[in-house]
Amino acid sequence: MGPAGKFLDIRQGDRTIEDYAGDFVGMARQSATEKTCLMVIFWGGLADPFKSMMPYWAPEESLEDYINLALHPW
């Protein structure tokens, strides 16, 4: 599987949200993918309960701010 396939298949699974976010950001930095698509991919890889607490995407936010919503939901 190439880098793009790995990027689309990244999932939180039983890892902490911090581990998932760190891996995701590392892959996103190597990608030319548009911000909104990155948000949707990040959201799609989240495990519950994080996924149910997060907006599907937030066009007014930077990718970093969007990921911080998952890291610091309160």
N, C-alpha and C. Protein backbone atom coordinates (compact mmCIF):
# COMPACT_ATOMS: atom_id res chain seq x y z
N MET A 1 0.84 -1.17 0.00
CA MET A 1 0.00 0.00 0.00
C MET A 1 0.89 1.24 0.00
N GLY A 2 0.59 2.18 -0.87
CA GLY A 2 1.37 3.40 -0.97
C GLY A 2 1.03 4.39 0.14
N PRO A 3 1.76 5.51 0.20
CA PRO A 3 1.54 6.51 1.24
C PRO A 3 0.11 7.04 1.28
N ALA A 4 -0.50 7.25 0.12
CA ALA A 4 -1.87 7.78 0.09
C ALA A 4 -2.84 6.78 0.70
N GLY A 5 -2.67 5.51 0.41
CA GLY A 5 -3.53 4.49 0.98
C GLY A 5 -3.39 4.40 2.48
N LYS A 6 -2.16 4.48 2.97
CA LYS A 6 -1.94 4.46 4.42
C LYS A 6 -2.59 5.67 5.08
N PHE A 7 -2.50 6.82 4.42
CA PHE A 7 -3.09 8.04 4.96
C PHE A 7 -4.60 7.89 5.08
N LEU A 8 -5.23 7.33 4.07
CA LEU A 8 -6.69 7.16 4.10
C LEU A 8 -7.12 6.07 5.07
N ASP A 9 -6.23 5.15 5.40
CA ASP A 9 -6.57 4.04 6.29
C ASP A 9 -6.21 4.29 7.76
N ILE A 10 -5.61 5.43 8.08
CA ILE A 10 -5.21 5.67 9.46
C ILE A 10 -6.44 5.75 10.36
N ARG A 11 -6.38 5.05 11.48
CA ARG A 11 -7.48 5.00 12.44
C ARG A 11 -6.93 5.11 13.86
N GLN A 12 -7.74 5.67 14.74
CA GLN A 12 -7.35 5.75 16.14
C GLN A 12 -7.32 4.37 16.77
N GLY A 13 -8.34 3.58 16.50
CA GLY A 13 -8.40 2.25 17.11
C GLY A 13 -8.38 2.34 18.62
N ASP A 14 -7.54 1.55 19.27
CA ASP A 14 -7.47 1.58 20.73
C ASP A 14 -6.34 2.47 21.24
N ARG A 15 -5.74 3.25 20.33
CA ARG A 15 -4.68 4.18 20.74
C ARG A 15 -5.29 5.41 21.40
N THR A 16 -4.46 6.16 22.11
CA THR A 16 -4.94 7.42 22.68
C THR A 16 -5.18 8.42 21.56
N ILE A 17 -5.99 9.41 21.85
CA ILE A 17 -6.25 10.46 20.87
C ILE A 17 -4.95 11.20 20.55
N GLU A 18 -4.08 11.35 21.53
CA GLU A 18 -2.80 12.02 21.31
C GLU A 18 -1.92 11.26 20.33
N ASP A 19 -1.86 9.94 20.47
CA ASP A 19 -1.07 9.12 19.54
C ASP A 19 -1.63 9.19 18.12
N TYR A 20 -2.94 9.07 18.02
CA TYR A 20 -3.59 9.15 16.70
C TYR A 20 -3.34 10.51 16.06
N ALA A 21 -3.55 11.59 16.82
CA ALA A 21 -3.36 12.94 16.29
C ALA A 21 -1.92 13.15 15.86
N GLY A 22 -0.97 12.67 16.65
CA GLY A 22 0.44 12.82 16.29
C GLY A 22 0.79 12.12 14.99
N ASP A 23 0.32 10.89 14.83
CA ASP A 23 0.56 10.16 13.59
C ASP A 23 -0.13 10.85 12.41
N PHE A 24 -1.35 11.32 12.63
CA PHE A 24 -2.10 11.97 11.57
C PHE A 24 -1.39 13.25 11.11
N VAL A 25 -0.96 14.07 12.05
CA VAL A 25 -0.29 15.33 11.70
C VAL A 25 1.01 15.04 10.95
N GLY A 26 1.75 14.02 11.37
CA GLY A 26 2.97 13.66 10.66
C GLY A 26 2.71 13.29 9.22
N MET A 27 1.63 12.55 8.97
CA MET A 27 1.28 12.17 7.61
C MET A 27 0.73 13.37 6.84
N ALA A 28 -0.05 14.22 7.50
CA ALA A 28 -0.65 15.38 6.84
C ALA A 28 0.42 16.35 6.36
N ARG A 29 1.49 16.49 7.12
CA ARG A 29 2.58 17.40 6.73
C ARG A 29 3.26 16.97 5.44
N GLN A 30 3.19 15.70 5.13
CA GLN A 30 3.81 15.17 3.92
C GLN A 30 2.83 15.12 2.76
N SER A 31 1.64 15.63 2.98
CA SER A 31 0.58 15.53 1.99
C SER A 31 0.25 16.90 1.41
N ALA A 32 -0.19 16.90 0.17
CA ALA A 32 -0.66 18.14 -0.47
C ALA A 32 -2.18 18.20 -0.43
N THR A 33 -2.78 17.37 0.42
CA THR A 33 -4.24 17.29 0.51
C THR A 33 -4.81 18.57 1.11
N GLU A 34 -5.94 19.02 0.58
CA GLU A 34 -6.61 20.24 1.02
C GLU A 34 -7.09 20.10 2.46
N LYS A 35 -7.09 21.22 3.19
CA LYS A 35 -7.41 21.25 4.62
C LYS A 35 -8.75 20.59 4.94
N THR A 36 -9.78 20.91 4.20
CA THR A 36 -11.09 20.35 4.49
C THR A 36 -11.08 18.84 4.34
N CYS A 37 -10.41 18.32 3.34
CA CYS A 37 -10.29 16.87 3.17
C CYS A 37 -9.54 16.25 4.34
N LEU A 38 -8.49 16.92 4.81
CA LEU A 38 -7.74 16.41 5.95
C LEU A 38 -8.62 16.33 7.19
N MET A 39 -9.48 17.32 7.38
CA MET A 39 -10.40 17.29 8.53
C MET A 39 -11.34 16.09 8.45
N VAL A 40 -11.87 15.86 7.27
CA VAL A 40 -12.80 14.74 7.08
C VAL A 40 -12.08 13.41 7.30
N ILE A 41 -10.85 13.28 6.80
CA ILE A 41 -10.07 12.05 7.00
C ILE A 41 -9.78 11.86 8.48
N PHE A 42 -9.37 12.94 9.18
CA PHE A 42 -9.10 12.85 10.62
C PHE A 42 -10.35 12.41 11.36
N TRP A 43 -11.48 13.05 11.08
CA TRP A 43 -12.75 12.71 11.73
C TRP A 43 -13.12 11.25 11.48
N GLY A 44 -12.94 10.80 10.24
CA GLY A 44 -13.29 9.43 9.89
C GLY A 44 -12.47 8.39 10.64
N GLY A 45 -11.27 8.74 11.05
CA GLY A 45 -10.42 7.80 11.77
C GLY A 45 -10.60 7.81 13.27
N LEU A 46 -11.38 8.76 13.78
CA LEU A 46 -11.60 8.85 15.22
C LEU A 46 -12.44 7.68 15.73
N ALA A 47 -12.15 7.26 16.95
CA ALA A 47 -12.98 6.27 17.63
C ALA A 47 -14.02 7.02 18.47
N ASP A 48 -15.11 6.35 18.78
CA ASP A 48 -16.07 6.94 19.72
C ASP A 48 -15.45 6.89 21.10
N PRO A 49 -15.69 7.84 21.97
CA PRO A 49 -16.68 8.91 21.88
C PRO A 49 -16.19 10.16 21.17
N PHE A 50 -14.92 10.20 20.78
CA PHE A 50 -14.39 11.42 20.16
C PHE A 50 -15.14 11.78 18.88
N LYS A 51 -15.42 10.78 18.07
CA LYS A 51 -16.09 11.04 16.79
C LYS A 51 -17.44 11.71 17.00
N SER A 52 -18.20 11.26 17.99
CA SER A 52 -19.53 11.82 18.21
C SER A 52 -19.47 13.23 18.81
N MET A 53 -18.33 13.62 19.37
CA MET A 53 -18.19 14.96 19.95
C MET A 53 -17.65 15.98 18.96
N MET A 54 -17.13 15.51 17.84
CA MET A 54 -16.47 16.40 16.88
C MET A 54 -17.38 16.76 15.72
N PRO A 55 -17.29 18.02 15.24
CA PRO A 55 -17.98 18.34 13.99
C PRO A 55 -17.31 17.58 12.84
N TYR A 56 -18.07 17.27 11.81
CA TYR A 56 -17.53 16.56 10.65
C TYR A 56 -16.37 17.32 10.03
N TRP A 57 -16.49 18.60 9.96
CA TRP A 57 -15.42 19.49 9.49
C TRP A 57 -15.76 20.88 9.98
N ALA A 58 -14.79 21.76 10.00
CA ALA A 58 -14.97 23.13 10.49
C ALA A 58 -14.19 24.07 9.57
N PRO A 59 -14.83 24.55 8.51
CA PRO A 59 -14.10 25.32 7.50
C PRO A 59 -13.44 26.59 8.04
N GLU A 60 -13.96 27.12 9.14
CA GLU A 60 -13.38 28.34 9.70
C GLU A 60 -12.14 28.07 10.54
N GLU A 61 -11.86 26.82 10.83
CA GLU A 61 -10.72 26.44 11.67
C GLU A 61 -9.52 26.03 10.82
N SER A 62 -8.33 26.20 11.40
CA SER A 62 -7.14 25.60 10.78
C SER A 62 -7.15 24.11 11.12
N LEU A 63 -6.37 23.32 10.43
CA LEU A 63 -6.29 21.89 10.74
C LEU A 63 -5.81 21.70 12.18
N GLU A 64 -4.83 22.49 12.59
CA GLU A 64 -4.30 22.40 13.95
C GLU A 64 -5.40 22.68 14.98
N ASP A 65 -6.19 23.73 14.77
CA ASP A 65 -7.28 24.05 15.69
C ASP A 65 -8.33 22.95 15.71
N TYR A 66 -8.63 22.40 14.55
CA TYR A 66 -9.61 21.32 14.46
C TYR A 66 -9.14 20.10 15.26
N ILE A 67 -7.89 19.72 15.11
CA ILE A 67 -7.35 18.58 15.86
C ILE A 67 -7.34 18.89 17.35
N ASN A 68 -7.05 20.14 17.71
CA ASN A 68 -7.08 20.52 19.12
C ASN A 68 -8.47 20.39 19.73
N LEU A 69 -9.52 20.51 18.92
CA LEU A 69 -10.88 20.27 19.43
C LEU A 69 -11.01 18.84 19.94
N ALA A 70 -10.37 17.90 19.28
CA ALA A 70 -10.40 16.50 19.72
C ALA A 70 -9.51 16.28 20.94
N LEU A 71 -8.37 16.97 20.96
CA LEU A 71 -7.43 16.80 22.07
C LEU A 71 -7.93 17.46 23.35
N HIS A 72 -8.67 18.54 23.21
CA HIS A 72 -9.14 19.32 24.37
C HIS A 72 -10.61 19.67 24.19
N PRO A 73 -11.50 18.68 24.29
CA PRO A 73 -12.91 18.92 23.98
C PRO A 73 -13.65 19.80 24.98
N TRP A 74 -13.08 19.99 26.15
CA TRP A 74 -13.80 20.78 27.14
C TRP A 74 -13.19 22.11 27.31
